[in-house]
N, C-alpha and C. Protein backbone atom coordinates (compact mmCIF):
# COMPACT_ATOMS: atom_id res chain seq x y z
N UNK A 1 -8.55 -12.00 1.78
CA UNK A 1 -8.07 -10.50 1.49
C UNK A 1 -8.33 -10.53 -0.44
N UNK A 2 -8.00 -9.61 -0.82
CA UNK A 2 -8.33 -8.96 -2.57
C UNK A 2 -6.81 -9.49 -2.49
N UNK A 3 -6.99 -9.69 -4.35
CA UNK A 3 -5.79 -10.22 -4.93
C UNK A 3 -5.16 -9.11 -5.37
N UNK A 4 -3.88 -8.60 -5.56
CA UNK A 4 -3.07 -7.44 -5.82
C UNK A 4 -3.07 -7.33 -7.62
N UNK A 5 -3.14 -6.51 -8.21
CA UNK A 5 -3.20 -5.97 -9.45
C UNK A 5 -4.46 -4.95 -9.57
N UNK A 6 -3.96 -4.88 -11.02
CA UNK A 6 -5.19 -4.61 -11.54
C UNK A 6 -6.46 -4.99 -11.82
N UNK A 7 -7.01 -5.77 -10.95
CA UNK A 7 -8.25 -6.54 -11.38
C UNK A 7 -9.53 -6.21 -12.13
N UNK A 8 -9.19 -4.82 -12.49
CA UNK A 8 -10.46 -4.64 -13.58
C UNK A 8 -9.99 -4.18 -14.34
N UNK A 9 -8.70 -4.39 -14.84
CA UNK A 9 -8.69 -4.45 -16.46
C UNK A 9 -7.31 -3.02 -16.54
N UNK A 10 -6.84 -2.51 -17.92
CA UNK A 10 -5.59 -1.53 -17.60
C UNK A 10 -6.79 -0.22 -17.74
N UNK A 11 -5.54 0.82 -17.54
CA UNK A 11 -6.05 2.34 -17.16
C UNK A 11 -5.76 2.82 -18.35
N UNK A 12 -7.15 3.94 -18.77
CA UNK A 12 -7.00 4.49 -19.86
C UNK A 12 -7.16 6.59 -19.76
N UNK A 13 -8.19 6.72 -20.81
CA UNK A 13 -8.11 8.33 -20.62
C UNK A 13 -8.89 9.08 -19.93
N UNK A 14 -9.43 8.18 -19.60
CA UNK A 14 -10.31 9.07 -18.30
C UNK A 14 -10.15 8.09 -16.63
N UNK A 15 -8.65 8.14 -16.76
CA UNK A 15 -8.02 7.86 -15.41
C UNK A 15 -6.83 9.34 -15.05
N UNK A 16 -7.23 9.85 -14.08
CA UNK A 16 -7.04 10.76 -13.14
C UNK A 16 -5.46 10.86 -12.04
N UNK A 17 -4.47 10.78 -12.08
CA UNK A 17 -3.11 10.47 -10.91
C UNK A 17 -3.76 12.05 -9.85
N UNK A 18 -4.01 11.40 -8.84
CA UNK A 18 -4.78 12.01 -7.72
C UNK A 18 -3.53 11.92 -6.38
N UNK A 19 -2.34 12.99 -6.18
CA UNK A 19 -1.65 12.61 -5.61
C UNK A 19 -1.39 13.76 -4.83
N UNK A 20 -1.69 12.93 -3.08
CA UNK A 20 -2.07 14.02 -1.47
C UNK A 20 -1.40 14.40 -1.02
N UNK A 21 -1.14 15.80 -1.06
CA UNK A 21 -0.34 16.35 -0.15
C UNK A 21 1.55 16.39 0.16
N UNK A 22 1.71 16.18 -1.23
CA UNK A 22 3.66 15.84 -1.32
C UNK A 22 3.95 17.36 -1.20
N UNK A 23 4.07 18.00 -0.23
CA UNK A 23 4.41 19.21 0.08
C UNK A 23 6.03 19.18 0.58
N UNK A 24 6.45 20.73 0.81
CA UNK A 24 7.46 20.99 1.92
C UNK A 24 7.10 20.99 3.36
N UNK A 25 5.89 20.62 3.80
CA UNK A 25 5.39 21.04 4.89
C UNK A 25 6.10 19.56 5.95
N UNK A 26 5.48 18.73 4.50
CA UNK A 26 5.94 16.92 5.18
C UNK A 26 7.79 16.61 4.45
N UNK A 27 8.22 17.27 4.41
CA UNK A 27 9.74 17.42 4.15
C UNK A 27 10.47 17.36 5.22
N UNK A 28 12.12 17.00 4.92
CA UNK A 28 13.42 16.54 6.35
C UNK A 28 12.94 17.66 6.73
N UNK A 29 13.17 18.75 6.28
CA UNK A 29 13.00 20.10 7.04
C UNK A 29 11.59 20.78 7.38
N UNK A 30 10.94 20.14 7.40
CA UNK A 30 9.44 20.51 7.25
C UNK A 30 9.15 20.48 8.78
N UNK A 31 7.61 21.55 9.10
CA UNK A 31 7.44 21.21 10.46
C UNK A 31 6.89 19.59 10.91
N UNK A 32 6.31 19.28 9.90
CA UNK A 32 5.42 17.88 9.99
C UNK A 32 6.26 16.73 9.36
N UNK A 33 7.52 17.10 8.91
CA UNK A 33 8.34 16.00 8.62
C UNK A 33 8.03 14.79 8.85
N UNK A 34 7.86 13.57 7.08
CA UNK A 34 7.58 12.80 7.65
C UNK A 34 8.51 11.82 6.36
N UNK A 35 9.25 11.41 7.00
CA UNK A 35 10.82 10.49 6.65
C UNK A 35 9.99 9.91 5.75
N UNK A 36 9.37 9.05 5.19
CA UNK A 36 8.98 8.26 4.55
C UNK A 36 8.31 9.14 2.79
N UNK A 37 8.08 10.36 3.07
CA UNK A 37 7.73 11.48 2.10
C UNK A 37 9.23 11.07 0.61
N UNK A 38 10.16 11.42 1.54
CA UNK A 38 11.10 11.14 0.24
C UNK A 38 11.53 9.94 -0.51
N UNK A 39 11.48 9.21 0.48
CA UNK A 39 11.53 7.42 -0.27
C UNK A 39 10.64 7.34 -1.38
N UNK A 40 9.38 8.32 -1.00
CA UNK A 40 8.59 7.49 -1.96
C UNK A 40 8.74 8.70 -3.45
N UNK A 41 9.03 9.68 -3.19
CA UNK A 41 8.83 11.00 -4.11
C UNK A 41 9.46 9.94 -5.52
N UNK A 42 10.42 9.47 -5.75
CA UNK A 42 10.81 8.89 -7.27
C UNK A 42 9.74 8.38 -8.03
N UNK A 43 9.18 7.39 -7.05
CA UNK A 43 7.94 6.45 -7.80
C UNK A 43 7.05 7.84 -8.18
N UNK A 44 6.87 8.44 -7.32
CA UNK A 44 5.19 9.63 -7.46
C UNK A 44 6.29 10.51 -8.51
N UNK A 45 7.43 11.28 -8.89
CA UNK A 45 7.68 11.98 -9.58
C UNK A 45 7.49 10.83 -10.86
N UNK A 46 8.20 9.69 -11.41
CA UNK A 46 7.69 9.16 -12.14
C UNK A 46 6.71 8.77 -13.16
N UNK A 47 5.66 8.33 -11.90
CA UNK A 47 4.35 8.85 -12.37
C UNK A 47 3.70 10.07 -12.88
N UNK A 48 3.59 11.06 -12.16
CA UNK A 48 3.53 12.16 -12.28
C UNK A 48 4.04 12.85 -13.65
N UNK A 49 5.23 12.49 -13.77
CA UNK A 49 5.80 13.31 -14.96
C UNK A 49 5.52 12.05 -16.24
N UNK A 50 5.11 10.79 -16.14
CA UNK A 50 4.78 10.02 -17.19
C UNK A 50 3.20 11.17 -17.64
N UNK A 51 2.47 11.15 -17.19
CA UNK A 51 1.29 11.60 -17.15
C UNK A 51 0.37 13.03 -16.36
N UNK A 52 1.38 13.84 -16.75
CA UNK A 52 1.64 15.21 -16.22
C UNK A 52 0.25 16.06 -16.05
N UNK A 53 -0.11 15.58 -17.53
CA UNK A 53 -1.61 16.73 -17.26
C UNK A 53 -2.72 16.12 -17.35
N UNK A 54 -2.71 14.71 -16.76
CA UNK A 54 -3.83 13.31 -15.84
C UNK A 54 -3.45 13.51 -14.70
N UNK A 55 -2.65 14.54 -14.06
CA UNK A 55 -1.93 14.42 -12.83
C UNK A 55 -2.96 15.82 -12.03
N UNK A 56 -3.19 15.47 -10.75
CA UNK A 56 -4.11 16.68 -9.71
C UNK A 56 -2.80 16.49 -8.87
N UNK A 57 -2.57 17.27 -8.01
CA UNK A 57 -1.83 17.54 -6.94
C UNK A 57 -2.88 18.49 -5.30
N UNK A 58 -3.24 17.54 -4.90
CA UNK A 58 -4.11 18.04 -3.52
C UNK A 58 -2.44 19.07 -2.62
N UNK A 59 -3.30 19.85 -2.11
CA UNK A 59 -1.88 21.02 -1.38
C UNK A 59 -2.92 21.16 0.64
N UNK A 60 -2.41 20.87 1.58
CA UNK A 60 -3.37 21.11 2.72
C UNK A 60 -2.36 22.41 3.13
N UNK A 61 -3.52 23.35 3.17
CA UNK A 61 -3.08 24.32 3.44
C UNK A 61 -3.81 24.85 5.12
N UNK A 62 -2.72 25.23 6.14
CA UNK A 62 -3.32 25.27 7.65
C UNK A 62 -4.40 26.30 7.68
N UNK A 63 -4.33 26.35 8.53
CA UNK A 63 -5.05 28.24 9.50
C UNK A 63 -4.51 29.35 9.02
N UNK A 64 -5.00 30.33 9.30
CA UNK A 64 -3.95 31.65 9.45
C UNK A 64 -3.14 31.56 10.33
N UNK A 65 -4.06 31.96 11.37
CA UNK A 65 -3.39 32.01 12.99
C UNK A 65 -4.29 30.85 13.94
N UNK A 66 -3.72 30.41 14.76
CA UNK A 66 -3.65 29.89 15.76
C UNK A 66 -4.99 30.25 16.55
N UNK A 67 -6.09 28.86 16.67
CA UNK A 67 -7.44 28.89 17.42
C UNK A 67 -8.37 29.05 15.95
N UNK A 68 -7.79 29.26 14.89
CA UNK A 68 -8.76 29.42 14.09
C UNK A 68 -9.39 28.19 13.14
N UNK A 69 -10.71 28.53 12.80
CA UNK A 69 -10.95 26.81 12.42
C UNK A 69 -12.57 26.29 12.70
N UNK A 70 -12.87 25.80 12.52
CA UNK A 70 -14.34 25.24 12.84
C UNK A 70 -14.53 24.28 13.93
N UNK A 71 -14.89 24.21 14.56
CA UNK A 71 -15.46 23.33 15.94
C UNK A 71 -13.68 22.94 16.29
N UNK A 72 -13.45 20.86 16.20
CA UNK A 72 -12.58 21.15 16.71
C UNK A 72 -10.95 21.65 15.75
N UNK A 73 -11.19 22.07 14.82
CA UNK A 73 -10.04 22.38 14.02
C UNK A 73 -9.46 23.62 15.10
N UNK A 74 -10.52 24.62 15.42
CA UNK A 74 -9.83 25.51 16.19
C UNK A 74 -8.97 25.22 17.43
N UNK A 75 -9.23 24.05 18.00
CA UNK A 75 -8.22 23.55 19.39
C UNK A 75 -7.04 22.85 18.14
N UNK A 76 -7.23 22.35 17.07
CA UNK A 76 -5.64 21.71 16.17
C UNK A 76 -5.85 22.54 16.12
N UNK A 77 -5.30 24.43 16.47
CA UNK A 77 -4.39 24.98 15.42
C UNK A 77 -4.15 25.69 16.61
N UNK A 78 -4.72 25.41 18.11
CA UNK A 78 -3.92 25.95 19.10
C UNK A 78 -3.12 25.18 19.34
N UNK A 79 -3.29 23.62 19.38
CA UNK A 79 -2.04 23.03 19.24
C UNK A 79 -1.08 23.03 18.44
N UNK A 80 -1.41 23.06 17.54
CA UNK A 80 0.09 23.32 16.27
C UNK A 80 -0.26 24.80 15.73
N UNK A 81 0.47 25.65 16.32
CA UNK A 81 0.38 26.91 16.40
C UNK A 81 1.50 27.24 15.57
N UNK A 82 2.19 26.59 15.82
CA UNK A 82 3.31 27.13 14.88
C UNK A 82 3.34 26.55 13.27
N UNK A 83 2.31 25.55 13.08
CA UNK A 83 2.43 25.49 11.89
C UNK A 83 1.13 26.36 11.44
N UNK A 84 0.54 27.41 11.63
CA UNK A 84 -0.43 28.09 11.02
C UNK A 84 0.31 29.35 10.00
N UNK A 85 -0.17 29.67 9.11
CA UNK A 85 0.34 30.45 7.84
C UNK A 85 1.33 31.89 8.56
N UNK A 86 0.72 32.31 9.71
CA UNK A 86 1.44 33.66 10.45
C UNK A 86 2.65 33.31 11.15
N UNK A 87 2.71 31.75 11.34
CA UNK A 87 3.69 31.58 12.64
C UNK A 87 5.25 31.01 11.81
N UNK A 88 4.89 30.30 10.44
CA UNK A 88 5.72 29.55 9.55
C UNK A 88 6.07 30.42 8.10
N UNK A 89 6.75 29.82 7.32
CA UNK A 89 7.13 29.93 5.85
C UNK A 89 6.43 30.16 5.35
N UNK A 90 5.25 30.57 4.43
CA UNK A 90 4.58 29.84 3.57
C UNK A 90 4.87 29.11 2.59
N UNK A 91 6.22 29.44 1.87
CA UNK A 91 6.69 28.27 1.02
C UNK A 91 6.75 26.79 1.29
N UNK A 92 6.40 26.50 2.62
CA UNK A 92 5.72 25.11 3.29
C UNK A 92 5.03 24.54 2.98
N UNK A 93 4.10 25.11 2.25
CA UNK A 93 2.50 25.26 1.55
C UNK A 93 2.83 24.45 -0.01
N UNK A 94 3.77 24.49 -0.33
CA UNK A 94 4.23 24.70 -2.05
C UNK A 94 4.09 23.00 -1.38
N UNK A 95 4.41 22.28 -2.86
CA UNK A 95 4.43 21.22 -3.37
C UNK A 95 6.31 21.17 -3.08
N UNK A 96 6.92 19.92 -3.08
CA UNK A 96 8.22 19.59 -3.33
C UNK A 96 8.49 19.57 -4.48
N UNK A 97 9.50 20.18 -4.61
CA UNK A 97 10.33 21.09 -6.10
C UNK A 97 10.31 19.32 -7.06
N UNK A 98 10.49 18.40 -7.07
CA UNK A 98 10.55 17.90 -7.68
C UNK A 98 9.12 17.88 -8.76
N UNK A 99 8.14 18.28 -8.15
CA UNK A 99 6.87 17.49 -8.69
C UNK A 99 6.22 18.89 -8.89
N UNK A 100 6.18 19.92 -8.30
CA UNK A 100 5.74 21.46 -8.41
C UNK A 100 6.38 22.08 -10.00
N UNK A 101 7.63 21.34 -10.10
CA UNK A 101 7.97 21.68 -11.77
C UNK A 101 7.49 21.41 -12.38
N UNK A 102 6.53 20.03 -12.10
CA UNK A 102 5.34 19.46 -13.41
C UNK A 102 4.10 19.97 -13.45
N UNK A 103 3.95 21.43 -12.47
CA UNK A 103 3.00 22.55 -12.84
C UNK A 103 3.11 23.95 -13.13
N UNK A 104 2.26 23.84 -14.68
CA UNK A 104 1.16 23.37 -15.11
C UNK A 104 2.40 22.31 -16.20
N UNK A 105 1.40 21.13 -16.77
CA UNK A 105 0.74 20.56 -16.86
C UNK A 105 -0.38 20.11 -16.08
N UNK A 106 0.33 19.64 -14.99
CA UNK A 106 -0.77 19.04 -13.87
C UNK A 106 -0.90 20.40 -12.84
N UNK A 107 -2.25 19.87 -12.34
CA UNK A 107 -3.25 20.77 -11.83
C UNK A 107 -2.81 20.91 -10.36
N UNK A 108 -3.16 22.10 -9.45
CA UNK A 108 -3.10 22.17 -7.84
C UNK A 108 -4.12 22.29 -7.28
N UNK A 109 -4.83 21.70 -6.11
CA UNK A 109 -6.17 21.93 -5.54
C UNK A 109 -5.85 22.33 -3.91
N UNK A 110 -6.06 23.22 -3.42
CA UNK A 110 -6.12 23.76 -2.28
C UNK A 110 -7.15 23.21 -1.35
N UNK A 111 -6.72 22.66 -0.57
CA UNK A 111 -7.49 21.87 0.82
C UNK A 111 -7.45 22.15 1.96
N UNK A 112 -8.20 22.53 3.22
CA UNK A 112 -8.00 23.17 4.14
C UNK A 112 -8.49 22.17 5.75
N UNK A 113 -8.75 21.24 5.27
CA UNK A 113 -9.02 19.85 6.48
C UNK A 113 -8.58 18.60 5.44
N UNK A 114 -8.69 17.34 6.08
CA UNK A 114 -7.86 16.07 5.01
C UNK A 114 -8.27 15.75 4.23
N UNK A 115 -9.94 15.99 4.03
CA UNK A 115 -10.53 15.22 2.86
C UNK A 115 -10.44 16.04 1.84
N UNK A 116 -10.35 15.61 -0.05
CA UNK A 116 -10.34 17.01 -0.67
C UNK A 116 -11.40 17.17 -0.87
N UNK A 117 -12.45 16.13 -0.78
CA UNK A 117 -14.21 16.12 -1.07
C UNK A 117 -15.19 17.71 -0.93
N UNK A 118 -14.76 17.69 0.22
CA UNK A 118 -16.11 18.24 1.45
C UNK A 118 -16.20 19.44 0.75
N UNK A 119 -15.18 20.48 0.61
CA UNK A 119 -15.11 21.73 -0.08
C UNK A 119 -16.06 22.08 -1.47
N UNK A 120 -15.97 20.64 -1.98
CA UNK A 120 -16.79 20.84 -2.87
C UNK A 120 -15.95 21.46 -4.71
N UNK A 121 -14.68 21.43 -4.31
CA UNK A 121 -13.96 22.09 -5.50
C UNK A 121 -13.77 20.89 -6.41
N UNK A 122 -13.44 20.00 -5.79
CA UNK A 122 -12.64 18.70 -6.21
C UNK A 122 -13.75 18.13 -7.22
N UNK A 123 -15.16 17.71 -6.80
CA UNK A 123 -16.14 17.20 -7.75
C UNK A 123 -16.67 17.75 -8.90
N UNK A 124 -16.64 19.78 -8.84
CA UNK A 124 -16.46 20.53 -10.26
C UNK A 124 -15.24 19.94 -11.10
N UNK A 125 -14.16 20.23 -10.47
CA UNK A 125 -13.05 19.77 -11.02
C UNK A 125 -13.15 18.56 -12.38
N UNK A 126 -13.54 17.91 -11.73
CA UNK A 126 -13.29 16.16 -11.94
C UNK A 126 -14.52 16.06 -13.11
N UNK A 127 -15.84 16.71 -12.58
CA UNK A 127 -16.85 16.55 -13.69
C UNK A 127 -16.86 15.10 -13.83
N UNK A 128 -16.98 14.66 -15.26
CA UNK A 128 -17.78 13.19 -15.82
C UNK A 128 -16.27 13.13 -16.92
N UNK A 129 -15.44 14.00 -16.51
CA UNK A 129 -14.29 13.43 -17.34
C UNK A 129 -13.05 11.58 -16.94
N UNK A 130 -13.70 12.23 -15.79
CA UNK A 130 -12.95 10.74 -15.36
C UNK A 130 -13.74 10.01 -14.50
N UNK A 131 -13.56 8.45 -14.72
CA UNK A 131 -13.91 7.50 -13.63
C UNK A 131 -13.03 6.49 -13.04
N UNK A 132 -12.16 7.08 -12.78
CA UNK A 132 -10.46 6.26 -11.90
C UNK A 132 -9.81 6.92 -11.59
N UNK A 133 -9.40 7.02 -10.09
CA UNK A 133 -8.26 7.28 -9.42
C UNK A 133 -6.92 7.05 -9.09
N UNK A 134 -5.87 7.19 -9.54
CA UNK A 134 -4.64 6.41 -9.07
C UNK A 134 -4.07 7.48 -7.56
N UNK A 135 -4.57 6.76 -6.92
CA UNK A 135 -3.88 7.78 -5.67
C UNK A 135 -2.06 7.39 -5.38
N UNK A 136 -1.66 8.16 -4.93
CA UNK A 136 -0.33 8.31 -4.12
C UNK A 136 -0.40 9.96 -3.21
N UNK A 137 0.53 9.38 -2.30
CA UNK A 137 0.66 10.44 -1.56
C UNK A 137 0.79 10.46 -0.02
N UNK A 138 0.52 11.05 1.12
CA UNK A 138 0.42 11.30 1.88
C UNK A 138 -0.34 11.91 2.95
N UNK A 139 -0.88 11.70 3.91
CA UNK A 139 -0.40 10.20 4.70
C UNK A 139 -1.54 9.30 4.56
N UNK A 140 -0.87 8.15 4.56
CA UNK A 140 -1.86 6.92 4.49
C UNK A 140 -2.65 6.80 5.39
N UNK A 141 -3.01 6.69 6.46
CA UNK A 141 -3.64 6.65 7.04
C UNK A 141 -4.92 7.88 7.82
N UNK A 142 -4.05 9.20 6.71
CA UNK A 142 -4.86 10.82 7.51
C UNK A 142 -5.34 11.28 6.29
N UNK A 143 -4.96 11.58 5.20
CA UNK A 143 -5.03 12.43 4.12
C UNK A 143 -5.82 11.40 2.82
N UNK A 144 -5.14 10.72 2.43
CA UNK A 144 -5.24 9.48 1.67
C UNK A 144 -5.93 8.86 2.30
N UNK A 145 -6.30 8.20 3.40
CA UNK A 145 -7.70 7.78 3.57
C UNK A 145 -8.85 8.69 3.41
N UNK A 146 -8.84 9.78 3.91
CA UNK A 146 -9.87 10.77 3.74
C UNK A 146 -10.20 10.59 2.02
N UNK A 147 -9.29 10.84 1.23
CA UNK A 147 -9.40 11.19 -0.12
C UNK A 147 -9.97 9.51 -0.60
N UNK A 148 -9.75 8.36 -0.12
CA UNK A 148 -10.04 7.06 -0.63
C UNK A 148 -11.34 6.78 -0.25
N UNK A 149 -11.98 7.31 1.19
CA UNK A 149 -13.10 6.91 0.82
C UNK A 149 -14.29 7.72 0.64
N UNK A 150 -13.59 9.19 0.41
CA UNK A 150 -14.43 10.16 -0.74
C UNK A 150 -14.53 9.49 -2.35
N UNK A 151 -13.72 9.12 -2.61
CA UNK A 151 -13.73 8.29 -4.10
C UNK A 151 -14.50 7.55 -3.79
N UNK A 152 -14.33 6.62 -2.90
CA UNK A 152 -15.77 5.60 -2.91
C UNK A 152 -16.86 5.93 -3.04
N UNK A 153 -17.14 6.87 -1.75
CA UNK A 153 -18.68 7.59 -2.00
C UNK A 153 -19.14 7.64 -3.28
N UNK A 154 -18.20 8.20 -4.10
CA UNK A 154 -18.68 8.95 -5.26
C UNK A 154 -19.15 7.73 -6.16
N UNK A 155 -17.87 6.42 -6.08
CA UNK A 155 -18.18 5.58 -7.29
C UNK A 155 -17.01 5.33 -8.26
N UNK A 156 -16.07 6.39 -7.91
CA UNK A 156 -14.90 5.96 -8.41
C UNK A 156 -13.96 4.43 -8.18
N UNK A 157 -13.57 4.28 -9.34
CA UNK A 157 -12.67 3.23 -9.08
C UNK A 157 -11.59 3.34 -8.68
N UNK A 158 -11.11 3.15 -7.25
CA UNK A 158 -9.49 3.46 -7.29
C UNK A 158 -8.40 2.75 -6.85
N UNK A 159 -7.49 2.92 -7.36
CA UNK A 159 -5.95 2.17 -7.83
C UNK A 159 -5.12 2.72 -6.65
N UNK A 160 -4.62 2.31 -6.11
CA UNK A 160 -3.44 2.64 -4.98
C UNK A 160 -2.33 2.33 -5.35
N UNK A 161 -1.36 3.09 -5.20
CA UNK A 161 -0.10 3.04 -5.89
C UNK A 161 0.86 2.41 -4.39
N UNK A 162 0.82 1.48 -4.33
CA UNK A 162 1.77 0.70 -3.35
C UNK A 162 2.72 1.47 -2.63
N UNK A 163 3.81 1.72 -3.79
CA UNK A 163 4.95 1.72 -3.43
C UNK A 163 5.29 3.41 -3.14
N UNK A 164 4.36 4.07 -3.54
CA UNK A 164 4.09 5.99 -3.54
C UNK A 164 3.30 6.39 -2.56
N UNK A 165 3.10 5.97 -1.73
CA UNK A 165 2.42 5.75 -0.30
C UNK A 165 2.85 6.42 0.95
N UNK A 166 2.59 7.56 1.96
CA UNK A 166 3.73 7.54 2.86
C UNK A 166 3.16 7.59 3.80
N UNK A 167 3.58 7.53 5.20
CA UNK A 167 2.72 7.78 6.69
C UNK A 167 4.59 8.19 7.71
N UNK A 168 3.94 8.72 8.97
CA UNK A 168 5.12 8.41 9.64
C UNK A 168 4.77 7.65 10.67
N UNK A 169 4.07 6.92 10.33
CA UNK A 169 3.38 5.59 11.01
C UNK A 169 3.67 4.31 10.16
N UNK A 170 4.56 3.71 10.92
CA UNK A 170 4.34 2.26 10.43
C UNK A 170 3.50 1.31 10.47
N UNK A 171 2.79 1.35 11.50
CA UNK A 171 2.07 0.85 12.32
C UNK A 171 0.69 0.84 11.10
N UNK A 172 0.46 2.07 11.62
CA UNK A 172 -1.13 2.60 10.90
C UNK A 172 -1.07 2.36 9.31
N UNK A 173 0.20 2.72 8.78
CA UNK A 173 0.41 2.48 7.09
C UNK A 173 0.04 1.45 6.97
N UNK A 174 0.77 0.05 7.45
CA UNK A 174 0.08 -1.18 7.56
C UNK A 174 -0.99 -2.18 8.03
N UNK A 175 -1.46 -1.06 8.76
CA UNK A 175 -2.62 -1.61 8.95
C UNK A 175 -4.40 -1.04 7.99
N UNK A 176 -3.56 0.26 7.43
CA UNK A 176 -4.52 1.07 6.50
C UNK A 176 -4.56 0.06 5.35
N UNK A 177 -3.57 -0.06 4.69
CA UNK A 177 -3.07 -1.25 3.84
C UNK A 177 -3.93 -2.33 3.91
N UNK A 178 -3.65 -3.35 5.12
CA UNK A 178 -4.90 -4.49 5.63
C UNK A 178 -6.21 -4.04 5.41
N UNK A 179 -6.48 -2.87 5.58
CA UNK A 179 -7.97 -2.49 5.71
C UNK A 179 -8.23 -2.50 3.98
N UNK A 180 -7.62 -1.09 3.58
CA UNK A 180 -8.42 -1.76 2.04
C UNK A 180 -8.20 -3.35 1.19
N UNK A 181 -7.23 -4.09 1.51
CA UNK A 181 -7.57 -5.12 0.98
C UNK A 181 -8.68 -6.13 1.70
N UNK A 182 -8.91 -5.84 2.97
CA UNK A 182 -10.15 -6.61 3.62
C UNK A 182 -11.21 -6.28 3.86
N UNK A 183 -11.82 -5.19 3.16
CA UNK A 183 -12.73 -4.39 3.58
C UNK A 183 -13.05 -3.75 2.39
N UNK A 184 -11.98 -3.47 1.21
CA UNK A 184 -12.65 -2.39 0.41
C UNK A 184 -12.45 -3.16 -0.83
N UNK A 185 -12.06 -4.53 -1.00
CA UNK A 185 -11.78 -5.22 -2.27
C UNK A 185 -12.34 -5.51 -3.47
N UNK A 186 -13.96 -4.97 -3.66
CA UNK A 186 -14.24 -4.53 -5.00
C UNK A 186 -14.04 -3.26 -5.24
N UNK A 187 -13.46 -2.35 -4.49
CA UNK A 187 -13.44 -1.01 -4.90
C UNK A 187 -12.02 -0.59 -4.84
N UNK A 188 -11.07 -0.82 -4.39
CA UNK A 188 -9.43 -0.67 -4.25
C UNK A 188 -9.06 -1.72 -4.62
N UNK A 189 -8.14 -1.36 -5.24
CA UNK A 189 -7.09 -2.23 -6.18
C UNK A 189 -5.45 -1.49 -6.04
N UNK A 190 -4.76 -2.62 -5.25
CA UNK A 190 -3.56 -1.83 -5.26
C UNK A 190 -2.53 -2.67 -5.75
N UNK A 191 -1.31 -1.65 -6.45
CA UNK A 191 -0.41 -1.94 -7.47
C UNK A 191 0.79 -0.99 -7.47
N UNK A 192 1.83 -1.70 -7.85
CA UNK A 192 2.91 -0.70 -8.00
C UNK A 192 2.74 0.10 -9.10
N UNK A 193 3.33 1.35 -9.23
CA UNK A 193 3.71 2.37 -9.73
C UNK A 193 4.15 1.48 -11.20
N UNK A 194 5.08 0.87 -11.08
CA UNK A 194 5.63 0.14 -12.46
C UNK A 194 4.57 -0.61 -13.21
N UNK A 195 3.49 -1.04 -12.53
CA UNK A 195 2.74 -1.51 -12.93
C UNK A 195 1.22 -0.93 -13.19
N UNK A 196 1.28 0.04 -12.75
CA UNK A 196 0.32 1.31 -13.22
C UNK A 196 0.96 1.90 -14.37
N UNK A 197 2.13 2.24 -14.41
CA UNK A 197 2.71 2.55 -16.06
C UNK A 197 2.39 1.72 -16.96
N UNK A 198 2.96 0.50 -16.64
CA UNK A 198 2.60 -0.60 -17.91
C UNK A 198 1.44 -0.77 -18.32
N UNK A 199 0.37 -0.30 -17.83
CA UNK A 199 -0.77 -0.32 -17.73
C UNK A 199 -1.87 0.81 -17.90
N UNK A 200 -1.16 2.03 -17.99
CA UNK A 200 -1.55 3.20 -18.51
C UNK A 200 -1.49 3.61 -19.56
N UNK A 201 -2.20 3.92 -20.51
CA UNK A 201 -1.93 4.41 -21.71
C UNK A 201 -2.18 5.45 -22.66
């Protein structure tokens, strides 16, 4: 198992905080409630507030109507018809209020699938300015996983904030944290928000 901590040294100006899908969709009153989201929100808010100009929030935007989307996504949105934009309050797509207030200077990137990479806008937005991504948000075993794997493939240094990740499943959250330790130890560092703040100048 990999050692925890910033084994590759402190963070600097070439670091971006990439916060995944901390939206009203996943709030206690949202259609896809993730109870952990409120639990990790203070840590995410502290990190984003300290580095707002170097924070990017992704938002998962569902299909407009039931049955829309390519391939299996059409089936997905027949199953989750009530979470399409024409069936739910569109305000659920917005960031949680504690984070939305940081935009700007923080930025927002909308996506329509789990990964923020497949639609191409994130690559263009990051350019060559950043080589390190501090990842927070949810869910650990779905959109965060897709985000991390895409970042690894592109050669980014990936730092996971262990106390700023959430999932609706304890079992798969724990399994994914074990996976990051045991299979991606050269490319993924796991560390608390406190240690990130102490080492990000």
